[in-house]
Amino acid sequence: MIIKISGHANAGPKGSDLVCASISSIATGALNALDAAYPEDVELSLTEIPDAVIEIKVLQNHQNLQALLRMLYIQIQTLAENQSKYITIKEV
């Protein structure tokens, strides 16, 4: 399973892009938690240029890891409900 977060910049002028800042904060918190709790179970990457792309690759799936990933999903889903013009969740 791979989770990819991309294209979350440019919803507003640089420096006041609250959607980008919100997604980045949610994702950074999740990356930090995953790295601290499950470093052997996930592969994490963040590419800053030209557009921030965050990728989480699940190497070893288990219930506790899924709980943390579910938290990430719920946070982004909640934000998407209020910012649907700028956020789309695709499940493939």
C-alpha atoms as a PDB file:
ATOM      1  CA  MET A   1       0.000   0.000   0.000  1.00  0.00           C
ATOM      2  CA  ILE A   2       1.245   3.480  -0.886  1.00  0.00           C
ATOM      3  CA  ILE A   3      -0.227   6.737   0.346  1.00  0.00           C
ATOM      4  CA  LYS A   4       0.692   9.804  -1.690  1.00  0.00           C
ATOM      5  CA  ILE A   5      -0.096  13.413  -0.820  1.00  0.00           C
ATOM      6  CA  SER A   6       0.624  15.923  -3.562  1.00  0.00           C
ATOM      7  CA  GLY A   7      -0.568  19.100  -5.227  1.00  0.00           C
ATOM      8  CA  HIS A   8      -1.624  20.694  -1.979  1.00  0.00           C
ATOM      9  CA  ALA A   9       0.039  24.051  -2.650  1.00  0.00           C
ATOM     10  CA  ASN A  10      -1.295  27.163  -4.366  1.00  0.00           C
ATOM     11  CA  ALA A  11      -4.791  27.306  -2.870  1.00  0.00           C
ATOM     12  CA  GLY A  12      -3.956  30.855  -1.819  1.00  0.00           C
ATOM     13  CA  PRO A  13      -1.195  33.435  -2.187  1.00  0.00           C
ATOM     14  CA  LYS A  14       2.266  32.352  -1.038  1.00  0.00           C
ATOM     15  CA  GLY A  15       2.546  32.874   2.698  1.00  0.00           C
ATOM     16  CA  SER A  16      -1.204  32.714   3.261  1.00  0.00           C
ATOM     17  CA  ASP A  17      -1.996  29.325   1.731  1.00  0.00           C
ATOM     18  CA  LEU A  18      -3.876  27.842   4.672  1.00  0.00           C
ATOM     19  CA  VAL A  19      -4.904  24.663   2.837  1.00  0.00           C
ATOM     20  CA  CYS A  20      -1.278  23.858   2.028  1.00  0.00           C
ATOM     21  CA  ALA A  21      -0.208  24.675   5.577  1.00  0.00           C
ATOM     22  CA  SER A  22      -2.975  22.494   7.016  1.00  0.00           C
ATOM     23  CA  ILE A  23      -2.212  19.486   4.822  1.00  0.00           C
ATOM     24  CA  SER A  24       1.520  19.903   5.419  1.00  0.00           C
ATOM     25  CA  SER A  25       1.000  20.014   9.188  1.00  0.00           C
ATOM     26  CA  ILE A  26      -1.230  16.946   9.204  1.00  0.00           C
ATOM     27  CA  ALA A  27       1.183  15.010   6.977  1.00  0.00           C
ATOM     28  CA  THR A  28       4.303  16.074   8.892  1.00  0.00           C
ATOM     29  CA  GLY A  29       2.738  14.986  12.172  1.00  0.00           C
ATOM     30  CA  ALA A  30       1.827  11.628  10.659  1.00  0.00           C
ATOM     31  CA  LEU A  31       5.317  11.167   9.182  1.00  0.00           C
ATOM     32  CA  ASN A  32       6.916  11.946  12.552  1.00  0.00           C
ATOM     33  CA  ALA A  33       4.608   9.520  14.367  1.00  0.00           C
ATOM     34  CA  LEU A  34       5.144   6.769  11.780  1.00  0.00           C
ATOM     35  CA  ASP A  35       8.915   7.231  11.885  1.00  0.00           C
ATOM     36  CA  ALA A  36       8.967   7.130  15.691  1.00  0.00           C
ATOM     37  CA  ALA A  37       6.554   4.234  16.171  1.00  0.00           C
ATOM     38  CA  TYR A  38       7.014   2.056  13.069  1.00  0.00           C
ATOM     39  CA  PRO A  39      10.386   2.791  11.412  1.00  0.00           C
ATOM     40  CA  GLU A  40      10.758  -0.787  10.132  1.00  0.00           C
ATOM     41  CA  ASP A  41       7.193  -1.015   8.831  1.00  0.00           C
ATOM     42  CA  VAL A  42       7.061   2.042   6.572  1.00  0.00           C
ATOM     43  CA  GLU A  43       9.191   3.818   4.008  1.00  0.00           C
ATOM     44  CA  LEU A  44       8.708   7.583   4.121  1.00  0.00           C
ATOM     45  CA  SER A  45       9.692  10.224   1.591  1.00  0.00           C
ATOM     46  CA  LEU A  46       9.194  13.952   1.186  1.00  0.00           C
ATOM     47  CA  THR A  47      10.155  15.768  -1.999  1.00  0.00           C
ATOM     48  CA  GLU A  48      10.029  19.548  -1.604  1.00  0.00           C
ATOM     49  CA  ILE A  49      10.806  20.705  -5.154  1.00  0.00           C
ATOM     50  CA  PRO A  50       9.004  21.697  -7.350  1.00  0.00           C
ATOM     51  CA  ASP A  51       5.832  20.769  -5.426  1.00  0.00           C
ATOM     52  CA  ALA A  52       5.748  19.018  -2.100  1.00  0.00           C
ATOM     53  CA  VAL A  53       5.091  15.305  -2.560  1.00  0.00           C
ATOM     54  CA  ILE A  54       4.715  13.146   0.526  1.00  0.00           C
ATOM     55  CA  GLU A  55       4.764   9.381   0.137  1.00  0.00           C
ATOM     56  CA  ILE A  56       4.174   6.655   2.704  1.00  0.00           C
ATOM     57  CA  LYS A  57       4.887   3.101   1.610  1.00  0.00           C
ATOM     58  CA  VAL A  58       3.619   0.392   3.963  1.00  0.00           C
ATOM     59  CA  LEU A  59       6.131  -2.457   4.137  1.00  0.00           C
ATOM     60  CA  GLN A  60       4.599  -4.445   7.011  1.00  0.00           C
ATOM     61  CA  ASN A  61       0.884  -3.932   7.574  1.00  0.00           C
ATOM     62  CA  HIS A  62      -0.709  -4.476  10.986  1.00  0.00           C
ATOM     63  CA  GLN A  63      -3.596  -3.210  13.101  1.00  0.00           C
ATOM     64  CA  ASN A  64      -1.682  -0.572  15.092  1.00  0.00           C
ATOM     65  CA  LEU A  65      -0.145   0.892  11.961  1.00  0.00           C
ATOM     66  CA  GLN A  66      -3.572   0.975  10.305  1.00  0.00           C
ATOM     67  CA  ALA A  67      -4.950   2.937  13.275  1.00  0.00           C
ATOM     68  CA  LEU A  68      -2.355   5.649  12.748  1.00  0.00           C
ATOM     69  CA  LEU A  69      -2.963   5.731   8.986  1.00  0.00           C
ATOM     70  CA  ARG A  70      -6.719   5.924   9.627  1.00  0.00           C
ATOM     71  CA  MET A  71      -6.097   8.982  11.820  1.00  0.00           C
ATOM     72  CA  LEU A  72      -4.198  10.603   8.929  1.00  0.00           C
ATOM     73  CA  TYR A  73      -7.063   9.804   6.551  1.00  0.00           C
ATOM     74  CA  ILE A  74      -9.738  11.173   8.906  1.00  0.00           C
ATOM     75  CA  GLN A  75      -7.849  14.429   9.409  1.00  0.00           C
ATOM     76  CA  ILE A  76      -7.420  14.980   5.673  1.00  0.00           C
ATOM     77  CA  GLN A  77     -11.017  13.913   5.000  1.00  0.00           C
ATOM     78  CA  THR A  78     -12.292  16.416   7.579  1.00  0.00           C
ATOM     79  CA  LEU A  79     -10.273  19.201   5.974  1.00  0.00           C
ATOM     80  CA  ALA A  80     -11.482  18.133   2.515  1.00  0.00           C
ATOM     81  CA  GLU A  81     -15.105  18.464   3.616  1.00  0.00           C
ATOM     82  CA  ASN A  82     -14.488  22.159   4.315  1.00  0.00           C
ATOM     83  CA  GLN A  83     -12.086  22.808   1.431  1.00  0.00           C
ATOM     84  CA  SER A  84     -13.479  20.622  -1.359  1.00  0.00           C
ATOM     85  CA  LYS A  85     -12.478  23.203  -3.961  1.00  0.00           C
ATOM     86  CA  TYR A  86      -8.811  22.495  -3.179  1.00  0.00           C
ATOM     87  CA  ILE A  87      -8.689  18.915  -1.857  1.00  0.00           C
ATOM     88  CA  THR A  88      -9.578  15.671  -3.593  1.00  0.00           C
ATOM     89  CA  ILE A  89      -9.104  12.249  -2.048  1.00  0.00           C
ATOM     90  CA  LYS A  90      -8.540   9.468  -4.572  1.00  0.00           C
ATOM     91  CA  GLU A  91      -8.575   5.832  -3.568  1.00  0.00           C
ATOM     92  CA  VAL A  92      -7.093   3.450  -6.131  1.00  0.00           C
END
